C-alpha cells in the first residue's frame, strides 16, 4: 500500500513478498531500500525460500538518503530516519533516528622512509 502525497527520490527500491504499508505525506531520500523478506539461508533450498514479515511506515515520515528498511520494521507517524540508518524493529512517533559515527584518524610512520 502506498498512501497519497508520497515522494520517492531516485533509486528507491521496494522488494515485497508479503506486505509493505507506506502512509500519507511520506518522503524518501535517494537510494532507499525497503525489503520485507530475507532468504532462509538455513534451509537447503535457501535460494527459493524466504522469511517474510510486514513493514509499516506511518504518515508524515521522512526517510533520509541511503536508508535500508528491513522486514518486521514499524515506523510510527511524524518520524525522521537519518541518512544511512539500517531500520529494524519499532521506531516511535515524533522521534529522530540517526547514526553516530566515530571516525578515528591516526598518523602512521612508514618504516621505509627516514
Protein backbone atom coordinates (compact mmCIF):
# COMPACT_ATOMS: atom_id res chain seq x y z
CA UNK A 1 0.00 0.00 0.00
CA UNK A 2 1.28 3.48 -0.87
CA UNK A 3 -0.67 6.42 0.55
CA UNK A 4 -1.28 9.82 -1.01
CA UNK A 5 1.29 12.56 -1.48
CA UNK A 6 4.26 10.18 -1.11
CA UNK A 7 7.55 11.39 -2.61
CA UNK A 8 10.12 8.78 -3.64
CA UNK A 9 13.51 10.04 -4.74
CA UNK A 10 15.82 8.45 -7.30
CA UNK A 11 16.85 4.79 -6.90
CA UNK A 12 14.18 3.89 -4.34
CA UNK A 13 13.88 0.08 -4.32
CA UNK A 14 10.90 -1.75 -2.81
CA UNK A 15 11.01 -5.56 -2.69
CA UNK A 16 7.79 -7.04 -1.33
CA UNK A 17 6.83 -10.69 -0.83
CA UNK A 18 4.31 -10.15 1.99
CA UNK A 19 3.13 -6.62 2.92
CA UNK A 20 4.56 -3.10 2.94
CA UNK A 21 2.46 -0.12 4.05
CA UNK A 22 3.63 3.45 3.35
CA UNK A 23 1.46 6.19 4.87
CA UNK A 24 0.41 9.58 3.51
CA UNK A 25 2.81 12.55 3.16
CA UNK A 26 5.94 10.40 3.49
CA UNK A 27 9.21 11.38 1.77
CA UNK A 28 12.14 9.20 0.74
CA UNK A 29 15.66 10.43 0.01
CA UNK A 30 17.72 8.84 -2.76
CA UNK A 31 18.87 5.20 -2.63
CA UNK A 32 16.34 3.97 -0.05
CA UNK A 33 15.87 0.18 0.03
CA UNK A 34 12.78 -1.46 1.59
CA UNK A 35 12.79 -5.28 1.82
CA UNK A 36 10.14 -7.31 3.66
CA UNK A 37 11.97 -10.64 3.39
CA UNK A 38 15.28 -12.46 3.83
CA UNK A 39 16.49 -15.65 2.24
CA UNK A 40 16.15 -18.58 4.64
CA UNK A 41 19.84 -19.45 4.47
CA UNK A 42 19.43 -22.33 6.97
CA UNK A 43 17.20 -24.17 4.52
CA UNK A 44 18.99 -26.38 1.98
CA UNK A 45 16.83 -24.80 -0.72
CA UNK A 46 17.64 -21.26 0.50
CA UNK A 47 17.53 -19.74 -2.98
CA UNK A 48 13.79 -20.44 -3.15
CA UNK A 49 12.74 -20.00 0.49
CA UNK A 50 12.16 -16.76 2.35
CA UNK A 51 11.42 -15.44 5.83
CA UNK A 52 8.90 -12.59 5.50
CA UNK A 53 7.42 -10.01 7.85
CA UNK A 54 5.35 -6.86 7.33
CA UNK A 55 6.79 -3.37 7.13
CA UNK A 56 4.74 -0.39 8.29
CA UNK A 57 5.75 3.22 7.61
CA UNK A 58 3.33 5.76 9.08
CA UNK A 59 2.11 9.16 7.95
CA UNK A 60 4.36 12.21 7.60
CA UNK A 61 7.61 10.23 7.86
CA UNK A 62 10.89 11.44 6.36
CA UNK A 63 13.34 8.74 5.32
CA UNK A 64 16.86 10.05 4.57
CA UNK A 65 19.27 9.02 1.83
CA UNK A 66 20.78 5.51 1.78
CA UNK A 67 18.42 4.08 4.41
CA UNK A 68 17.66 0.34 4.42
CA UNK A 69 14.36 -0.77 5.99
CA UNK A 70 14.28 -4.47 6.90
CA UNK A 71 11.43 -6.92 7.48
CA UNK A 72 9.50 -6.53 10.71
CA UNK A 73 10.06 -2.78 10.91
CA UNK A 74 7.40 -0.41 12.21
CA UNK A 75 8.00 3.34 11.85
CA UNK A 76 5.31 5.40 13.55
CA UNK A 77 3.89 8.76 12.37
CA UNK A 78 5.89 12.00 12.29
CA UNK A 79 9.30 10.32 12.49
CA UNK A 80 12.60 11.12 10.81
CA UNK A 81 15.10 8.42 9.86
CA UNK A 82 18.52 9.96 9.17
CA UNK A 83 20.78 9.10 6.26
CA UNK A 84 22.44 5.71 6.26
CA UNK A 85 20.39 4.10 9.04
CA UNK A 86 19.53 0.40 8.85
CA UNK A 87 15.98 0.16 10.23
CA UNK A 88 14.88 -2.96 12.12
CA UNK A 89 12.13 -3.04 14.74
CA UNK A 90 9.95 -0.32 16.28
CA UNK A 91 10.64 3.40 15.81
CA UNK A 92 8.29 5.55 17.89
CA UNK A 93 6.32 8.57 16.63
CA UNK A 94 7.80 12.06 16.85
CA UNK A 95 11.40 10.81 17.03
CA UNK A 96 14.57 11.33 15.02
CA UNK A 97 16.84 8.31 14.48
CA UNK A 98 20.37 8.64 13.13
CA UNK A 99 23.80 7.02 13.15
CA UNK A 100 26.56 8.47 15.25
CA UNK A 101 29.76 7.58 13.53
CA UNK A 102 33.08 7.97 15.24
CA UNK A 103 35.91 8.13 12.75
CA UNK A 104 39.42 7.79 14.15
CA UNK A 105 42.31 9.20 12.12
CA UNK A 106 45.80 8.36 13.33
CA UNK A 107 49.14 9.32 11.86
CA UNK A 108 51.40 6.46 10.96
CA UNK A 109 55.10 6.17 10.32
CA UNK A 110 56.24 4.28 7.30
CA UNK A 111 59.36 2.28 8.10
CA UNK A 112 60.82 2.67 4.62
CA UNK A 113 61.04 6.47 4.95
CA UNK A 114 63.67 8.08 7.12
